[in-house]
PDB file of N, CA and C in Angstrom:
ATOM      1  N   UNK A   1       0.849  -1.169   0.000  1.00  0.00           N
ATOM      2  CA  UNK A   1       0.000   0.000   0.000  1.00  0.00           C
ATOM      3  C   UNK A   1       0.901   1.241   0.000  1.00  0.00           C
ATOM      4  N   UNK A   2       0.726   2.167  -0.924  1.00  0.00           N
ATOM      5  CA  UNK A   2       1.543   3.374  -0.937  1.00  0.00           C
ATOM      6  C   UNK A   2       1.339   4.200   0.327  1.00  0.00           C
ATOM      7  N   UNK A   3       2.317   5.019   0.610  1.00  0.00           N
ATOM      8  CA  UNK A   3       2.265   5.836   1.822  1.00  0.00           C
ATOM      9  C   UNK A   3       1.020   6.706   1.834  1.00  0.00           C
ATOM     10  N   UNK A   4       0.693   7.296   0.701  1.00  0.00           N
ATOM     11  CA  UNK A   4      -0.457   8.195   0.673  1.00  0.00           C
ATOM     12  C   UNK A   4      -1.752   7.462   1.010  1.00  0.00           C
ATOM     13  N   UNK A   5      -1.869   6.200   0.589  1.00  0.00           N
ATOM     14  CA  UNK A   5      -3.071   5.428   0.902  1.00  0.00           C
ATOM     15  C   UNK A   5      -3.166   5.135   2.395  1.00  0.00           C
ATOM     16  N   UNK A   6      -2.040   4.796   3.002  1.00  0.00           N
ATOM     17  CA  UNK A   6      -2.020   4.527   4.441  1.00  0.00           C
ATOM     18  C   UNK A   6      -2.381   5.798   5.202  1.00  0.00           C
ATOM     19  N   UNK A   7      -1.826   6.916   4.772  1.00  0.00           N
ATOM     20  CA  UNK A   7      -2.099   8.183   5.449  1.00  0.00           C
ATOM     21  C   UNK A   7      -3.568   8.559   5.306  1.00  0.00           C
ATOM     22  N   UNK A   8      -4.123   8.394   4.119  1.00  0.00           N
ATOM     23  CA  UNK A   8      -5.538   8.701   3.911  1.00  0.00           C
ATOM     24  C   UNK A   8      -6.417   7.820   4.788  1.00  0.00           C
ATOM     25  N   UNK A   9      -6.066   6.540   4.898  1.00  0.00           N
ATOM     26  CA  UNK A   9      -6.825   5.610   5.733  1.00  0.00           C
ATOM     27  C   UNK A   9      -6.788   6.072   7.187  1.00  0.00           C
ATOM     28  N   UNK A  10      -5.611   6.491   7.671  1.00  0.00           N
ATOM     29  CA  UNK A  10      -5.469   6.959   9.043  1.00  0.00           C
ATOM     30  C   UNK A  10      -6.304   8.208   9.274  1.00  0.00           C
ATOM     31  N   UNK A  11      -6.263   9.134   8.315  1.00  0.00           N
ATOM     32  CA  UNK A  11      -7.045  10.367   8.442  1.00  0.00           C
ATOM     33  C   UNK A  11      -8.532  10.037   8.470  1.00  0.00           C
ATOM     34  N   UNK A  12      -8.962   9.132   7.604  1.00  0.00           N
ATOM     35  CA  UNK A  12     -10.385   8.767   7.570  1.00  0.00           C
ATOM     36  C   UNK A  12     -10.825   8.164   8.895  1.00  0.00           C
ATOM     37  N   UNK A  13      -9.977   7.307   9.477  1.00  0.00           N
ATOM     38  CA  UNK A  13     -10.328   6.731  10.775  1.00  0.00           C
ATOM     39  C   UNK A  13     -10.425   7.818  11.838  1.00  0.00           C
ATOM     40  N   UNK A  14      -9.516   8.783  11.811  1.00  0.00           N
ATOM     41  CA  UNK A  14      -9.552   9.879  12.781  1.00  0.00           C
ATOM     42  C   UNK A  14     -10.827  10.692  12.616  1.00  0.00           C
ATOM     43  N   UNK A  15     -11.166  11.001  11.380  1.00  0.00           N
ATOM     44  CA  UNK A  15     -12.362  11.790  11.116  1.00  0.00           C
ATOM     45  C   UNK A  15     -13.607  11.021  11.543  1.00  0.00           C
ATOM     46  N   UNK A  16     -13.651   9.736  11.236  1.00  0.00           N
ATOM     47  CA  UNK A  16     -14.803   8.931  11.643  1.00  0.00           C
ATOM     48  C   UNK A  16     -14.921   8.870  13.166  1.00  0.00           C
ATOM     49  N   UNK A  17     -13.785   8.800  13.851  1.00  0.00           N
ATOM     50  CA  UNK A  17     -13.804   8.812  15.306  1.00  0.00           C
ATOM     51  C   UNK A  17     -14.346  10.117  15.853  1.00  0.00           C
ATOM     52  N   UNK A  18     -13.930  11.230  15.240  1.00  0.00           N
ATOM     53  CA  UNK A  18     -14.438  12.529  15.674  1.00  0.00           C
ATOM     54  C   UNK A  18     -15.928  12.660  15.400  1.00  0.00           C
ATOM     55  N   UNK A  19     -16.370  12.147  14.263  1.00  0.00           N
ATOM     56  CA  UNK A  19     -17.799  12.187  13.941  1.00  0.00           C
ATOM     57  C   UNK A  19     -18.591  11.359  14.955  1.00  0.00           C
ATOM     58  N   UNK A  20     -18.060  10.193  15.299  1.00  0.00           N
ATOM     59  CA  UNK A  20     -18.744   9.347  16.279  1.00  0.00           C
ATOM     60  C   UNK A  20     -18.848  10.058  17.626  1.00  0.00           C
ATOM     61  N   UNK A  21     -17.772  10.737  18.021  1.00  0.00           N
ATOM     62  CA  UNK A  21     -17.812  11.500  19.283  1.00  0.00           C
ATOM     63  C   UNK A  21     -18.835  12.621  19.204  1.00  0.00           C
ATOM     64  N   UNK A  22     -18.879  13.300  18.078  1.00  0.00           N
ATOM     65  CA  UNK A  22     -19.836  14.399  17.915  1.00  0.00           C
ATOM     66  C   UNK A  22     -21.264  13.882  17.993  1.00  0.00           C
ATOM     67  N   UNK A  23     -21.529  12.762  17.347  1.00  0.00           N
ATOM     68  CA  UNK A  23     -22.877  12.193  17.395  1.00  0.00           C
ATOM     69  C   UNK A  23     -23.240  11.749  18.808  1.00  0.00           C
ATOM     70  N   UNK A  24     -22.264  11.187  19.510  1.00  0.00           N
ATOM     71  CA  UNK A  24     -22.505  10.771  20.885  1.00  0.00           C
ATOM     72  C   UNK A  24     -22.828  11.980  21.760  1.00  0.00           C
ATOM     73  N   UNK A  25     -22.046  13.041  21.596  1.00  0.00           N
ATOM     74  CA  UNK A  25     -22.278  14.259  22.385  1.00  0.00           C
ATOM     75  C   UNK A  25     -23.645  14.835  22.073  1.00  0.00           C
ATOM     76  N   UNK A  26     -23.982  14.898  20.783  1.00  0.00           N
ATOM     77  CA  UNK A  26     -25.280  15.478  20.422  1.00  0.00           C
ATOM     78  C   UNK A  26     -26.433  14.606  20.921  1.00  0.00           C
ATOM     79  N   UNK A  27     -26.241  13.296  20.991  1.00  0.00           N
ATOM     80  CA  UNK A  27     -27.280  12.414  21.509  1.00  0.00           C
ATOM     81  C   UNK A  27     -27.472  12.561  23.006  1.00  0.00           C
ATOM     82  N   UNK A  28     -26.394  12.877  23.707  1.00  0.00           N
ATOM     83  CA  UNK A  28     -26.467  13.047  25.162  1.00  0.00           C
ATOM     84  C   UNK A  28     -27.026  14.402  25.562  1.00  0.00           C
ATOM     85  N   UNK A  29     -27.112  15.321  24.627  1.00  0.00           N
ATOM     86  CA  UNK A  29     -27.527  16.682  24.933  1.00  0.00           C
ATOM     87  C   UNK A  29     -29.043  16.797  25.093  1.00  0.00           C
ATOM     88  N   UNK A  30     -29.780  15.883  24.522  1.00  0.00           N
ATOM     89  CA  UNK A  30     -31.236  15.976  24.555  1.00  0.00           C
ATOM     90  C   UNK A  30     -31.788  16.185  25.955  1.00  0.00           C
ATOM     91  N   UNK A  31     -32.646  17.200  26.146  1.00  0.00           N
ATOM     92  CA  UNK A  31     -33.280  17.458  27.431  1.00  0.00           C
ATOM     93  C   UNK A  31     -32.414  18.211  28.416  1.00  0.00           C
ATOM     94  N   UNK A  32     -31.281  18.733  27.986  1.00  0.00           N
ATOM     95  CA  UNK A  32     -30.418  19.478  28.893  1.00  0.00           C
ATOM     96  C   UNK A  32     -30.776  20.960  28.874  1.00  0.00           C
ATOM     97  N   UNK A  33     -30.166  21.680  29.749  1.00  0.00           N
ATOM     98  CA  UNK A  33     -30.422  23.116  29.856  1.00  0.00           C
ATOM     99  C   UNK A  33     -29.923  23.852  28.609  1.00  0.00           C
ATOM    100  N   UNK A  34     -30.453  25.050  28.396  1.00  0.00           N
ATOM    101  CA  UNK A  34     -29.993  25.836  27.240  1.00  0.00           C
ATOM    102  C   UNK A  34     -28.484  26.085  27.255  1.00  0.00           C
ATOM    103  N   UNK A  35     -27.901  26.264  28.449  1.00  0.00           N
ATOM    104  CA  UNK A  35     -26.448  26.476  28.531  1.00  0.00           C
ATOM    105  C   UNK A  35     -25.703  25.229  28.062  1.00  0.00           C
ATOM    106  N   UNK A  36     -26.196  24.063  28.450  1.00  0.00           N
ATOM    107  CA  UNK A  36     -25.565  22.822  28.013  1.00  0.00           C
ATOM    108  C   UNK A  36     -25.679  22.667  26.501  1.00  0.00           C
ATOM    109  N   UNK A  37     -26.819  23.080  25.947  1.00  0.00           N
ATOM    110  CA  UNK A  37     -26.993  23.018  24.497  1.00  0.00           C
ATOM    111  C   UNK A  37     -26.030  23.977  23.796  1.00  0.00           C
ATOM    112  N   UNK A  38     -25.829  25.152  24.379  1.00  0.00           N
ATOM    113  CA  UNK A  38     -24.862  26.096  23.813  1.00  0.00           C
ATOM    114  C   UNK A  38     -23.445  25.530  23.886  1.00  0.00           C
ATOM    115  N   UNK A  39     -23.125  24.881  24.999  1.00  0.00           N
ATOM    116  CA  UNK A  39     -21.808  24.256  25.137  1.00  0.00           C
ATOM    117  C   UNK A  39     -21.616  23.158  24.094  1.00  0.00           C
ATOM    118  N   UNK A  40     -22.669  22.377  23.874  1.00  0.00           N
ATOM    119  CA  UNK A  40     -22.588  21.311  22.875  1.00  0.00           C
ATOM    120  C   UNK A  40     -22.419  21.905  21.476  1.00  0.00           C
ATOM    121  N   UNK A  41     -23.126  22.997  21.196  1.00  0.00           N
ATOM    122  CA  UNK A  41     -22.987  23.660  19.893  1.00  0.00           C
ATOM    123  C   UNK A  41     -21.569  24.188  19.722  1.00  0.00           C
ATOM    124  N   UNK A  42     -21.008  24.731  20.797  1.00  0.00           N
ATOM    125  CA  UNK A  42     -19.623  25.211  20.747  1.00  0.00           C
ATOM    126  C   UNK A  42     -18.668  24.059  20.482  1.00  0.00           C
ATOM    127  N   UNK A  43     -18.927  22.927  21.112  1.00  0.00           N
ATOM    128  CA  UNK A  43     -18.092  21.738  20.874  1.00  0.00           C
ATOM    129  C   UNK A  43     -18.171  21.294  19.423  1.00  0.00           C
ATOM    130  N   UNK A  44     -19.361  21.355  18.855  1.00  0.00           N
ATOM    131  CA  UNK A  44     -19.529  20.982  17.445  1.00  0.00           C
ATOM    132  C   UNK A  44     -18.752  21.933  16.538  1.00  0.00           C
ATOM    133  N   UNK A  45     -18.774  23.214  16.857  1.00  0.00           N
ATOM    134  CA  UNK A  45     -18.010  24.188  16.073  1.00  0.00           C
ATOM    135  C   UNK A  45     -16.510  23.897  16.178  1.00  0.00           C
ATOM    136  N   UNK A  46     -16.064  23.552  17.379  1.00  0.00           N
ATOM    137  CA  UNK A  46     -14.659  23.219  17.568  1.00  0.00           C
ATOM    138  C   UNK A  46     -14.289  21.966  16.778  1.00  0.00           C
ATOM    139  N   UNK A  47     -15.204  20.980  16.740  1.00  0.00           N
ATOM    140  CA  UNK A  47     -14.963  19.784  15.941  1.00  0.00           C
ATOM    141  C   UNK A  47     -14.874  20.128  14.457  1.00  0.00           C
ATOM    142  N   UNK A  48     -15.717  21.025  14.013  1.00  0.00           N
ATOM    143  CA  UNK A  48     -15.679  21.463  12.622  1.00  0.00           C
ATOM    144  C   UNK A  48     -14.336  22.109  12.303  1.00  0.00           C
ATOM    145  N   UNK A  49     -13.862  22.935  13.211  1.00  0.00           N
ATOM    146  CA  UNK A  49     -12.548  23.568  13.025  1.00  0.00           C
ATOM    147  C   UNK A  49     -11.438  22.516  13.010  1.00  0.00           C
ATOM    148  N   UNK A  50     -11.574  21.501  13.873  1.00  0.00           N
ATOM    149  CA  UNK A  50     -10.571  20.434  13.911  1.00  0.00           C
ATOM    150  C   UNK A  50     -10.566  19.661  12.595  1.00  0.00           C
ATOM    151  N   UNK A  51     -11.751  19.387  12.038  1.00  0.00           N
ATOM    152  CA  UNK A  51     -11.826  18.699  10.738  1.00  0.00           C
ATOM    153  C   UNK A  51     -11.119  19.509   9.659  1.00  0.00           C
ATOM    154  N   UNK A  52     -11.374  20.806   9.644  1.00  0.00           N
ATOM    155  CA  UNK A  52     -10.747  21.673   8.649  1.00  0.00           C
ATOM    156  C   UNK A  52      -9.232  21.669   8.814  1.00  0.00           C
ATOM    157  N   UNK A  53      -8.784  21.688  10.038  1.00  0.00           N
ATOM    158  CA  UNK A  53      -7.348  21.662  10.312  1.00  0.00           C
ATOM    159  C   UNK A  53      -6.728  20.343   9.857  1.00  0.00           C
ATOM    160  N   UNK A  54      -7.415  19.245  10.116  1.00  0.00           N
ATOM    161  CA  UNK A  54      -6.915  17.936   9.695  1.00  0.00           C
ATOM    162  C   UNK A  54      -6.822  17.871   8.171  1.00  0.00           C
ATOM    163  N   UNK A  55      -7.844  18.369   7.489  1.00  0.00           N
ATOM    164  CA  UNK A  55      -7.830  18.372   6.021  1.00  0.00           C
ATOM    165  C   UNK A  55      -6.672  19.209   5.489  1.00  0.00           C
ATOM    166  N   UNK A  56      -6.449  20.363   6.119  1.00  0.00           N
ATOM    167  CA  UNK A  56      -5.365  21.247   5.687  1.00  0.00           C
ATOM    168  C   UNK A  56      -3.999  20.573   5.898  1.00  0.00           C
ATOM    169  N   UNK A  57      -3.812  19.964   7.069  1.00  0.00           N
ATOM    170  CA  UNK A  57      -2.561  19.267   7.349  1.00  0.00           C
ATOM    171  C   UNK A  57      -2.349  18.110   6.380  1.00  0.00           C
ATOM    172  N   UNK A  58      -3.414  17.397   6.064  1.00  0.00           N
ATOM    173  CA  UNK A  58      -3.314  16.277   5.132  1.00  0.00           C
ATOM    174  C   UNK A  58      -2.889  16.767   3.752  1.00  0.00           C
ATOM    175  N   UNK A  59      -3.431  17.885   3.314  1.00  0.00           N
ATOM    176  CA  UNK A  59      -3.069  18.433   2.005  1.00  0.00           C
ATOM    177  C   UNK A  59      -1.599  18.855   1.983  1.00  0.00           C
ATOM    178  N   UNK A  60      -1.150  19.479   3.050  1.00  0.00           N
ATOM    179  CA  UNK A  60       0.258  19.894   3.129  1.00  0.00           C
ATOM    180  C   UNK A  60       1.172  18.678   3.111  1.00  0.00           C
ATOM    181  N   UNK A  61       0.834  17.668   3.891  1.00  0.00           N
ATOM    182  CA  UNK A  61       1.658  16.456   3.936  1.00  0.00           C
ATOM    183  C   UNK A  61       1.664  15.746   2.588  1.00  0.00           C
ATOM    184  N   UNK A  62       0.529  15.723   1.916  1.00  0.00           N
ATOM    185  CA  UNK A  62       0.469  15.080   0.607  1.00  0.00           C
ATOM    186  C   UNK A  62       1.368  15.811  -0.390  1.00  0.00           C
ATOM    187  N   UNK A  63       1.381  17.144  -0.338  1.00  0.00           N
ATOM    188  CA  UNK A  63       2.274  17.915  -1.196  1.00  0.00           C
ATOM    189  C   UNK A  63       3.734  17.588  -0.897  1.00  0.00           C
ATOM    190  N   UNK A  64       4.074  17.463   0.390  1.00  0.00           N
ATOM    191  CA  UNK A  64       5.437  17.125   0.769  1.00  0.00           C
ATOM    192  C   UNK A  64       5.817  15.734   0.273  1.00  0.00           C
ATOM    193  N   UNK A  65       4.908  14.781   0.399  1.00  0.00           N
ATOM    194  CA  UNK A  65       5.160  13.419  -0.080  1.00  0.00           C
ATOM    195  C   UNK A  65       5.376  13.427  -1.580  1.00  0.00           C
ATOM    196  N   UNK A  66       4.528  14.141  -2.317  1.00  0.00           N
ATOM    197  CA  UNK A  66       4.677  14.213  -3.772  1.00  0.00           C
ATOM    198  C   UNK A  66       6.013  14.835  -4.157  1.00  0.00           C
ATOM    199  N   UNK A  67       6.395  15.887  -3.452  1.00  0.00           N
ATOM    200  CA  UNK A  67       7.663  16.551  -3.716  1.00  0.00           C
ATOM    201  C   UNK A  67       8.838  15.613  -3.456  1.00  0.00           C
ATOM    202  N   UNK A  68       8.774  14.885  -2.348  1.00  0.00           N
ATOM    203  CA  UNK A  68       9.843  13.939  -2.016  1.00  0.00           C
ATOM    204  C   UNK A  68       9.911  12.803  -3.033  1.00  0.00           C
ATOM    205  N   UNK A  69       8.770  12.353  -3.514  1.00  0.00           N
ATOM    206  CA  UNK A  69       8.767  11.288  -4.521  1.00  0.00           C
ATOM    207  C   UNK A  69       9.417  11.771  -5.817  1.00  0.00           C
ATOM    208  N   UNK A  70       9.169  13.027  -6.202  1.00  0.00           N
ATOM    209  CA  UNK A  70       9.812  13.581  -7.389  1.00  0.00           C
ATOM    210  C   UNK A  70      11.320  13.698  -7.184  1.00  0.00           C
ATOM    211  N   UNK A  71      11.729  14.109  -5.996  1.00  0.00           N
ATOM    212  CA  UNK A  71      13.142  14.230  -5.692  1.00  0.00           C
ATOM    213  C   UNK A  71      13.831  12.870  -5.762  1.00  0.00           C
ATOM    214  N   UNK A  72      13.223  11.858  -5.206  1.00  0.00           N
ATOM    215  CA  UNK A  72      13.787  10.508  -5.243  1.00  0.00           C
ATOM    216  C   UNK A  72      13.880  10.012  -6.683  1.00  0.00           C
ATOM    217  N   UNK A  73      12.873  10.298  -7.488  1.00  0.00           N
ATOM    218  CA  UNK A  73      12.904   9.880  -8.893  1.00  0.00           C
ATOM    219  C   UNK A  73      14.052  10.558  -9.630  1.00  0.00           C
ATOM    220  N   UNK A  74      14.278  11.838  -9.386  1.00  0.00           N
ATOM    221  CA  UNK A  74      15.402  12.548 -10.017  1.00  0.00           C
ATOM    222  C   UNK A  74      16.728  11.959  -9.577  1.00  0.00           C
ATOM    223  N   UNK A  75      16.870  11.702  -8.276  1.00  0.00           N
ATOM    224  CA  UNK A  75      18.112  11.128  -7.770  1.00  0.00           C
ATOM    225  C   UNK A  75      18.339   9.742  -8.347  1.00  0.00           C
ATOM    226  N   UNK A  76      17.290   8.966  -8.479  1.00  0.00           N
ATOM    227  CA  UNK A  76      17.396   7.629  -9.063  1.00  0.00           C
ATOM    228  C   UNK A  76      17.881   7.719 -10.507  1.00  0.00           C
ATOM    229  N   UNK A  77      17.320   8.669 -11.247  1.00  0.00           N
ATOM    230  CA  UNK A  77      17.741   8.851 -12.643  1.00  0.00           C
ATOM    231  C   UNK A  77      19.211   9.261 -12.710  1.00  0.00           C
ATOM    232  N   UNK A  78      19.617  10.155 -11.826  1.00  0.00           N
ATOM    233  CA  UNK A  78      21.006  10.605 -11.802  1.00  0.00           C
ATOM    234  C   UNK A  78      21.941   9.456 -11.454  1.00  0.00           C
ATOM    235  N   UNK A  79      21.578   8.650 -10.489  1.00  0.00           N
ATOM    236  CA  UNK A  79      22.407   7.503 -10.101  1.00  0.00           C
ATOM    237  C   UNK A  79      22.531   6.527 -11.265  1.00  0.00           C
ATOM    238  N   UNK A  80      21.440   6.301 -11.979  1.00  0.00           N
ATOM    239  CA  UNK A  80      21.501   5.393 -13.135  1.00  0.00           C
ATOM    240  C   UNK A  80      22.406   5.948 -14.225  1.00  0.00           C
ATOM    241  N   UNK A  81      22.325   7.251 -14.480  1.00  0.00           N
ATOM    242  CA  UNK A  81      23.203   7.858 -15.488  1.00  0.00           C
ATOM    243  C   UNK A  81      24.661   7.742 -15.101  1.00  0.00           C
ATOM    244  N   UNK A  82      24.952   8.008 -13.833  1.00  0.00           N
ATOM    245  CA  UNK A  82      26.336   7.897 -13.363  1.00  0.00           C
ATOM    246  C   UNK A  82      26.812   6.449 -13.462  1.00  0.00           C
ATOM    247  N   UNK A  83      25.949   5.520 -13.087  1.00  0.00           N
ATOM    248  CA  UNK A  83      26.312   4.104 -13.167  1.00  0.00           C
ATOM    249  C   UNK A  83      26.541   3.686 -14.614  1.00  0.00           C
ATOM    250  N   UNK A  84      25.712   4.154 -15.545  1.00  0.00           N
ATOM    251  CA  UNK A  84      25.896   3.852 -16.961  1.00  0.00           C
ATOM    252  C   UNK A  84      27.170   4.475 -17.496  1.00  0.00           C
ATOM    253  N   UNK A  85      27.484   5.672 -17.039  1.00  0.00           N
ATOM    254  CA  UNK A  85      28.676   6.376 -17.508  1.00  0.00           C
ATOM    255  C   UNK A  85      29.951   5.683 -17.033  1.00  0.00           C
ATOM    256  N   UNK A  86      29.955   5.236 -15.756  1.00  0.00           N
ATOM    257  CA  UNK A  86      31.136   4.595 -15.205  1.00  0.00           C
ATOM    258  C   UNK A  86      31.244   3.136 -15.632  1.00  0.00           C
ATOM    259  N   UNK A  87      30.147   2.607 -16.109  1.00  0.00           N
ATOM    260  CA  UNK A  87      30.068   1.293 -16.691  1.00  0.00           C
ATOM    261  C   UNK A  87      30.401   0.171 -15.821  1.00  0.00           C
TER     262      UNK A  87
END
């Protein structure tokens, strides 16, 4: 499995875990005071911000992985040329 696939799988599991926590929190909120409902809404907003942050970090890491893969490919080509030249 390529690194990017493993990383995507890990991110998806993290996101699913956060969603499960959010659903659990929202299910426990029923019948609580208005302040508790406001606190739960604030928690949901914080979860939304966390999701956005995770997506942003994943995009940055994916760019870094792609860049490193290109660098390795260039180095591999250079090593092959040097090896062919030295025979």
